[in-house]
Protein backbone atom coordinates (compact mmCIF):
# COMPACT_ATOMS: atom_id res chain seq x y z
CA MET A 1 -182.38 -89.40 -69.54
CA THR A 2 -184.82 -86.95 -71.14
CA GLU A 3 -185.50 -87.63 -74.82
CA ILE A 4 -184.29 -84.99 -77.09
CA LYS A 5 -187.10 -83.51 -79.23
CA ASN A 6 -186.61 -81.60 -82.44
CA GLN A 7 -188.25 -78.20 -83.04
CA ALA A 8 -188.61 -77.26 -86.67
CA VAL A 9 -190.06 -74.29 -88.67
CA VAL A 10 -192.33 -76.03 -91.23
CA VAL A 11 -193.73 -74.31 -94.40
CA THR A 12 -197.45 -74.51 -94.10
CA SER A 13 -198.49 -72.39 -97.08
CA ARG A 14 -196.94 -70.90 -100.14
CA PRO A 15 -196.87 -67.10 -100.27
CA SER A 16 -197.67 -65.08 -103.42
CA ASN A 17 -194.63 -62.89 -102.83
CA ILE A 18 -192.56 -62.09 -99.75
CA PRO A 19 -193.07 -64.87 -97.09
CA GLN A 20 -194.76 -63.76 -93.87
CA ALA A 21 -194.73 -65.45 -90.36
CA GLU A 22 -198.22 -66.88 -91.08
CA ASN A 23 -196.59 -69.13 -93.88
CA PHE A 24 -194.84 -70.98 -91.26
CA GLU A 25 -195.47 -73.11 -88.09
CA ILE A 26 -193.00 -74.34 -85.34
CA GLN A 27 -193.65 -77.98 -84.83
CA THR A 28 -192.01 -80.59 -82.26
CA HIS A 29 -191.16 -83.97 -83.48
CA PRO A 30 -189.13 -87.04 -82.18
CA ILE A 31 -185.67 -87.33 -83.55
CA PRO A 32 -185.44 -90.40 -85.78
CA ALA A 33 -182.81 -93.18 -85.44
CA LEU A 34 -179.74 -92.65 -87.60
CA ASP A 35 -179.25 -94.91 -90.71
CA ALA A 36 -175.88 -95.91 -91.84
CA ASN A 37 -173.74 -92.99 -92.79
CA GLN A 38 -175.95 -90.42 -91.27
CA ILE A 39 -175.13 -87.82 -88.59
CA LEU A 40 -177.17 -85.92 -86.04
CA VAL A 41 -176.40 -82.17 -86.07
CA LYS A 42 -177.40 -79.84 -83.13
CA ASN A 43 -177.76 -76.50 -84.76
CA GLN A 44 -176.26 -73.38 -83.16
CA TRP A 45 -176.64 -70.76 -85.94
CA LEU A 46 -179.43 -70.51 -88.77
CA SER A 47 -179.11 -68.45 -91.81
CA VAL A 48 -181.68 -66.05 -93.30
CA ASP A 49 -181.17 -65.29 -96.99
CA PRO A 50 -182.96 -63.34 -99.68
CA ALA A 51 -183.07 -66.49 -101.90
CA MET A 52 -185.51 -67.99 -99.52
CA ARG A 53 -188.33 -65.84 -100.96
CA GLY A 54 -187.77 -67.48 -104.47
CA TRP A 55 -187.61 -70.95 -102.95
CA LEU A 56 -191.10 -70.25 -101.38
CA ALA A 57 -192.98 -67.96 -103.80
CA ASP A 58 -191.88 -69.48 -107.10
CA ALA A 59 -193.62 -72.89 -107.41
CA ASN A 60 -191.62 -73.44 -110.66
CA ASN A 61 -188.29 -72.90 -109.15
CA TYR A 62 -186.32 -76.11 -109.10
CA LEU A 63 -185.25 -75.23 -105.59
CA SER A 64 -188.84 -74.74 -104.47
CA VAL A 65 -189.54 -75.78 -100.81
CA PRO A 66 -193.08 -77.39 -100.81
CA ALA A 67 -195.63 -77.02 -97.99
CA GLY A 68 -194.95 -79.60 -95.25
CA ASP A 69 -191.30 -79.43 -95.42
CA VAL A 70 -188.84 -77.89 -92.92
CA MET A 71 -187.67 -74.65 -94.24
CA ARG A 72 -184.37 -75.00 -96.22
CA SER A 73 -181.55 -73.14 -94.75
CA LEU A 74 -177.82 -73.26 -94.22
CA ALA A 75 -176.92 -73.76 -90.68
CA VAL A 76 -173.73 -74.17 -88.45
CA GLY A 77 -173.85 -76.84 -85.65
CA THR A 78 -172.08 -79.71 -83.96
CA VAL A 79 -172.34 -83.40 -84.59
CA ILE A 80 -173.76 -85.07 -81.44
CA ALA A 81 -174.27 -88.53 -82.89
CA SER A 82 -172.67 -90.24 -85.82
CA LYS A 83 -172.75 -93.23 -88.02
CA HIS A 84 -170.21 -91.85 -90.55
CA THR A 85 -166.46 -92.20 -89.94
CA ASP A 86 -165.61 -88.68 -91.52
CA PHE A 87 -167.87 -86.92 -89.09
CA PRO A 88 -167.25 -88.08 -85.43
CA GLU A 89 -169.07 -86.56 -82.50
CA GLY A 90 -167.87 -83.16 -81.62
CA THR A 91 -167.20 -82.13 -85.31
CA GLN A 92 -168.37 -78.62 -86.13
CA VAL A 93 -170.09 -78.35 -89.48
CA MET A 94 -171.85 -75.98 -91.77
CA GLY A 95 -174.41 -77.36 -94.15
CA TRP A 96 -178.02 -77.77 -95.35
CA PHE A 97 -179.58 -78.59 -91.97
CA GLY A 98 -182.73 -76.39 -92.11
CA TRP A 99 -184.59 -74.09 -89.70
CA GLN A 100 -184.61 -76.62 -86.84
CA THR A 101 -182.82 -77.27 -83.59
CA HIS A 102 -181.64 -80.72 -84.67
CA ALA A 103 -181.06 -82.36 -88.13
CA VAL A 104 -180.55 -86.00 -89.01
CA VAL A 105 -178.87 -85.72 -92.46
CA ASP A 106 -176.65 -87.66 -94.94
CA ALA A 107 -173.02 -86.53 -95.24
CA SER A 108 -173.95 -84.93 -98.63
CA ALA A 109 -175.83 -82.23 -96.68
CA VAL A 110 -172.53 -81.03 -95.19
CA VAL A 111 -171.03 -78.10 -97.09
CA GLN A 112 -167.87 -77.93 -94.91
CA LYS A 113 -166.22 -78.86 -91.65
CA ILE A 114 -165.25 -75.87 -89.54
CA THR A 115 -161.71 -76.49 -88.27
CA VAL A 116 -160.32 -73.15 -87.60
CA ALA A 117 -160.46 -71.74 -84.02
CA ASP A 118 -159.46 -68.01 -84.72
CA ILE A 119 -162.61 -67.07 -86.72
CA PRO A 120 -166.24 -67.03 -85.24
CA ALA A 121 -168.34 -69.98 -86.59
CA SER A 122 -171.24 -67.84 -87.44
CA LEU A 123 -169.06 -66.25 -90.23
CA TYR A 124 -169.44 -69.40 -92.09
CA LEU A 125 -173.12 -68.40 -92.83
CA GLY A 126 -172.25 -64.92 -93.92
CA VAL A 127 -169.02 -63.39 -95.19
CA LEU A 128 -167.52 -67.01 -95.29
CA GLY A 129 -170.71 -68.64 -96.40
CA LEU A 130 -173.49 -68.24 -98.96
CA ASN A 131 -173.14 -64.43 -98.98
CA GLY A 132 -169.52 -64.06 -99.21
CA ILE A 133 -168.77 -67.05 -101.50
CA THR A 134 -171.39 -65.73 -103.79
CA ALA A 135 -169.80 -62.24 -103.89
CA ALA A 136 -166.32 -63.60 -104.41
CA THR A 137 -167.30 -66.23 -107.05
CA ALA A 138 -169.64 -64.09 -109.12
CA LEU A 139 -167.33 -61.12 -109.08
CA ASP A 140 -164.43 -63.23 -110.07
CA LYS A 141 -166.02 -65.56 -112.73
CA ILE A 142 -168.47 -63.10 -114.28
CA GLY A 143 -167.57 -59.61 -113.29
CA GLN A 144 -163.83 -60.06 -113.91
CA PRO A 145 -162.89 -56.68 -112.50
CA GLN A 146 -159.62 -54.95 -113.67
CA ALA A 147 -157.75 -52.29 -111.87
CA GLY A 148 -159.29 -48.89 -112.57
CA ASP A 149 -162.69 -50.28 -113.42
CA THR A 150 -165.83 -48.59 -112.17
CA VAL A 151 -167.94 -51.27 -110.18
CA VAL A 152 -171.53 -50.42 -109.12
CA VAL A 153 -173.16 -52.59 -106.57
CA SER A 154 -176.97 -52.53 -105.55
CA THR A 155 -177.93 -53.45 -102.01
CA ALA A 156 -174.51 -52.33 -101.25
CA ALA A 157 -174.83 -52.75 -97.51
CA GLY A 158 -176.11 -56.34 -97.70
CA GLY A 159 -174.53 -59.59 -96.95
CA VAL A 160 -173.44 -60.01 -100.64
CA GLY A 161 -173.09 -56.43 -101.69
CA SER A 162 -170.83 -55.34 -98.79
CA CYS A 163 -168.37 -58.10 -99.72
CA VAL A 164 -168.39 -57.35 -103.49
CA GLY A 165 -167.70 -53.73 -102.82
CA GLN A 166 -164.68 -54.62 -100.66
CA LEU A 167 -163.34 -57.30 -102.87
CA ALA A 168 -163.53 -54.88 -105.86
CA LYS A 169 -161.78 -52.30 -103.92
CA MET A 170 -158.90 -54.85 -103.13
CA GLN A 171 -158.52 -55.18 -106.79
CA GLY A 172 -157.95 -51.52 -107.51
CA CYS A 173 -161.53 -50.71 -108.65
CA ARG A 174 -163.55 -47.55 -107.99
CA THR A 175 -166.59 -48.63 -106.13
CA VAL A 176 -170.17 -47.07 -106.08
CA GLY A 177 -172.83 -48.52 -103.86
CA ILE A 178 -176.60 -48.04 -104.07
CA THR A 179 -178.52 -48.53 -100.85
CA SER A 180 -181.52 -47.14 -98.87
CA SER A 181 -181.13 -45.21 -95.69
CA PRO A 182 -178.56 -42.53 -94.61
CA GLU A 183 -177.44 -45.06 -92.00
CA LYS A 184 -176.57 -47.61 -94.46
CA MET A 185 -175.00 -44.99 -96.72
CA GLN A 186 -172.66 -44.08 -93.89
CA GLN A 187 -172.01 -47.76 -93.23
CA CYS A 188 -171.10 -48.41 -96.93
CA LYS A 189 -168.50 -45.55 -96.83
CA GLU A 190 -167.01 -46.09 -93.27
CA GLU A 191 -167.05 -49.89 -92.92
CA PHE A 192 -167.05 -51.19 -96.49
CA GLY A 193 -164.98 -48.45 -98.16
CA TYR A 194 -167.15 -47.44 -101.15
CA ASP A 195 -165.84 -44.45 -102.87
CA ASP A 196 -169.48 -43.12 -103.42
CA VAL A 197 -172.76 -44.13 -102.20
CA LEU A 198 -176.24 -43.36 -103.56
CA SER A 199 -179.67 -43.78 -102.13
CA TYR A 200 -182.35 -45.17 -104.33
CA ARG A 201 -184.92 -43.47 -102.27
CA GLU A 202 -183.85 -40.04 -103.47
CA PRO A 203 -185.27 -38.60 -106.75
CA ASP A 204 -183.70 -39.10 -110.16
CA LEU A 205 -181.37 -41.91 -109.47
CA ALA A 206 -180.45 -42.23 -113.20
CA THR A 207 -178.92 -38.73 -113.18
CA ARG A 208 -176.99 -39.20 -109.94
CA ILE A 209 -175.59 -42.53 -111.22
CA ALA A 210 -174.32 -40.67 -114.48
CA ARG A 211 -172.75 -38.01 -112.28
CA ALA A 212 -171.02 -40.65 -110.02
CA CYS A 213 -169.79 -42.65 -113.07
CA PRO A 214 -168.69 -40.13 -115.63
CA ASP A 215 -166.62 -42.79 -117.53
CA GLY A 216 -169.36 -45.31 -117.50
CA ILE A 217 -169.71 -48.65 -115.40
CA ASN A 218 -167.49 -51.55 -116.26
CA VAL A 219 -169.07 -53.97 -113.79
CA TYR A 220 -172.65 -53.87 -112.44
CA PHE A 221 -173.26 -56.37 -109.71
CA ASP A 222 -177.17 -56.50 -109.62
CA ASN A 223 -178.93 -57.68 -106.58
CA THR A 224 -182.21 -55.92 -107.15
CA SER A 225 -183.38 -55.66 -110.79
CA GLY A 226 -186.32 -53.33 -111.12
CA ALA A 227 -186.14 -49.54 -111.26
CA ILE A 228 -182.67 -49.52 -109.68
CA SER A 229 -181.27 -51.48 -112.57
CA ASP A 230 -183.33 -49.52 -115.04
CA ALA A 231 -181.33 -46.58 -113.84
CA VAL A 232 -178.01 -48.30 -114.03
CA MET A 233 -178.05 -49.89 -117.39
CA PRO A 234 -177.90 -46.80 -119.71
CA GLN A 235 -174.58 -45.91 -117.97
CA LEU A 236 -172.86 -49.25 -118.97
CA ALA A 237 -169.43 -48.85 -120.56
CA LEU A 238 -168.01 -50.60 -123.63
CA HIS A 239 -167.61 -54.29 -122.79
CA ALA A 240 -169.27 -53.98 -119.42
CA ARG A 241 -170.16 -57.17 -117.43
CA VAL A 242 -173.49 -57.24 -115.54
CA VAL A 243 -173.85 -59.91 -112.89
CA VAL A 244 -177.39 -60.83 -112.14
CA CYS A 245 -177.42 -62.14 -108.62
CA GLY A 246 -180.80 -61.18 -107.16
CA THR A 247 -184.17 -59.54 -107.90
CA ALA A 248 -185.03 -58.12 -104.54
CA ALA A 249 -186.82 -55.26 -105.87
CA ILE A 250 -189.51 -57.26 -107.51
CA SER A 251 -192.25 -58.33 -105.12
CA SER A 252 -193.94 -60.82 -107.61
CA TRP A 253 -193.15 -62.43 -110.88
CA ASP A 254 -196.77 -63.32 -111.50
CA PRO A 255 -197.58 -61.53 -113.69
CA VAL A 256 -194.22 -60.84 -115.11
CA PRO A 257 -193.48 -57.10 -114.70
CA SER A 258 -192.70 -54.96 -117.67
CA GLY A 259 -189.82 -52.34 -117.91
CA PRO A 260 -187.30 -50.78 -120.23
CA ARG A 261 -185.67 -53.15 -122.87
CA VAL A 262 -181.95 -53.61 -122.35
CA GLU A 263 -181.07 -55.38 -125.61
CA ARG A 264 -180.06 -52.23 -127.40
CA ILE A 265 -177.88 -51.21 -124.56
CA LEU A 266 -176.15 -54.61 -124.41
CA LEU A 267 -175.68 -54.50 -128.16
CA THR A 268 -174.21 -51.07 -128.60
CA ARG A 269 -171.94 -51.40 -125.60
CA ARG A 270 -170.99 -55.05 -126.57
CA ALA A 271 -171.87 -55.85 -122.83
CA ARG A 272 -172.34 -59.17 -121.23
CA MET A 273 -175.22 -59.87 -118.82
CA GLN A 274 -175.25 -63.26 -116.97
CA GLY A 275 -177.19 -64.88 -114.17
CA PHE A 276 -175.41 -66.42 -111.19
CA ILE A 277 -176.44 -69.07 -108.74
CA LEU A 278 -173.77 -70.37 -106.38
CA PHE A 279 -175.05 -73.93 -106.58
CA ASP A 280 -173.52 -74.15 -110.05
CA HIS A 281 -169.99 -73.42 -108.73
CA MET A 282 -169.71 -75.66 -105.58
CA ASP A 283 -166.54 -77.17 -106.88
CA THR A 284 -164.62 -73.88 -106.27
CA TYR A 285 -166.33 -73.15 -102.96
CA PRO A 286 -163.36 -74.11 -100.71
CA HIS A 287 -160.99 -71.93 -102.83
CA TYR A 288 -162.99 -68.82 -102.12
CA VAL A 289 -163.56 -69.75 -98.41
CA HIS A 290 -159.72 -69.81 -97.93
CA GLN A 291 -159.29 -66.61 -99.88
CA LEU A 292 -161.82 -64.85 -97.62
CA GLU A 293 -160.55 -66.40 -94.40
CA GLU A 294 -157.10 -64.80 -95.08
CA ALA A 295 -158.63 -61.46 -95.88
CA ILE A 296 -160.41 -61.57 -92.56
CA ARG A 297 -157.28 -62.50 -90.73
CA GLN A 298 -155.41 -59.63 -92.40
CA GLY A 299 -158.26 -57.12 -91.48
CA LYS A 300 -158.98 -56.38 -95.08
CA LEU A 301 -162.53 -57.67 -95.13
CA HIS A 302 -165.11 -56.13 -92.69
CA TYR A 303 -168.61 -57.53 -91.99
CA ARG A 304 -171.67 -56.93 -89.73
CA GLU A 305 -174.11 -59.51 -88.27
CA ASP A 306 -177.70 -58.94 -87.37
CA ILE A 307 -178.68 -61.60 -84.75
CA SER A 308 -182.07 -62.54 -83.53
CA GLN A 309 -182.28 -64.97 -80.60
CA GLY A 310 -184.31 -68.25 -80.72
CA LEU A 311 -186.15 -70.33 -83.27
CA GLU A 312 -189.43 -68.49 -82.54
CA THR A 313 -187.84 -65.37 -84.49
CA ALA A 314 -187.47 -67.44 -87.66
CA PRO A 315 -191.05 -67.30 -89.17
CA ALA A 316 -190.99 -63.47 -89.46
CA ALA A 317 -187.26 -63.24 -90.58
CA ILE A 318 -187.56 -63.30 -94.28
CA ALA A 319 -190.33 -60.45 -94.25
CA GLU A 320 -188.08 -58.35 -91.95
CA LEU A 321 -185.01 -58.93 -94.33
CA TYR A 322 -187.15 -57.48 -97.25
CA SER A 323 -188.26 -54.49 -95.25
CA SER A 324 -184.60 -53.48 -94.77
CA GLN A 325 -184.77 -53.93 -91.01
CA ASN A 326 -181.49 -55.78 -90.92
CA THR A 327 -178.14 -54.01 -90.58
CA GLY A 328 -175.86 -56.87 -91.61
CA LYS A 329 -175.92 -60.51 -92.39
CA ARG A 330 -179.24 -61.84 -90.76
CA LEU A 331 -178.73 -64.85 -88.46
CA ILE A 332 -180.73 -66.71 -85.83
CA GLN A 333 -178.83 -67.94 -82.80
CA LEU A 334 -180.26 -70.99 -81.00
CA HIS A 335 -179.71 -71.86 -77.38
CA ASP A 336 -179.94 -75.07 -75.39
């Protein structure tokens, strides 16, 4: 019987900003023997997420991935060998298995078992995974939308933003999306149901936001920071909630970029601005998974996936994500 080898995308150097293909190398290694309570997962789907840039470019990030390590990633796969009674062979799982074909992990790396048969497994990396659960948790716990609120979302066509807009709509809010291209603007309206959509590439974004939100903005779901957020903040309504979920518009934090001060706006509007990282809320992860599963079954929650084929597409995937080449949740599908 041919010995199984593991192919893995290994970090070889730390980028100064957006990771490029040359920061990685695909290496082949033997698969180690399982220790007690470990499992061997054969990966089928790998996730590509904006947060990966911070894990690589920011050496002071407590989630930093050092050179020499397999690139951290959520993945969906099947247990093909097991020394853990809770995960027998054949169990489909989603967890922190990395950018590799096979992963030997402790049970703690598993985020959830995938037991439903009527929903594609790949969705547990997107609308039912890090993206969707981030959207649902942050909107609920920090955004706290009420019927009639105006909710503005940056990167409105992205994996997180598209879900935020739809969830806010389900709660009776008016939604305004900010995105890039005419194609994504159309997608936001037709697929994700935004009431209004603006392009940050067109001039005088601040004036266009003011016109789109004449009564002010009650919830701003910020995935970008930078000039887009500078244009949004003056339109905050009294007691607005700002969810800081990403900083995609900032290419580098060294040196720290300068910009308008928001303290006066937050003070006079009595607004709240709070950062969100999903890892702080894993105790409620299953609750939001079930909530979103039901929304998908009922046809209320729409999604789009952007899939590349093969592990060899992984090294360039983060750079492609930040150049807006994707048209949905970015995934890598692995084959035998």
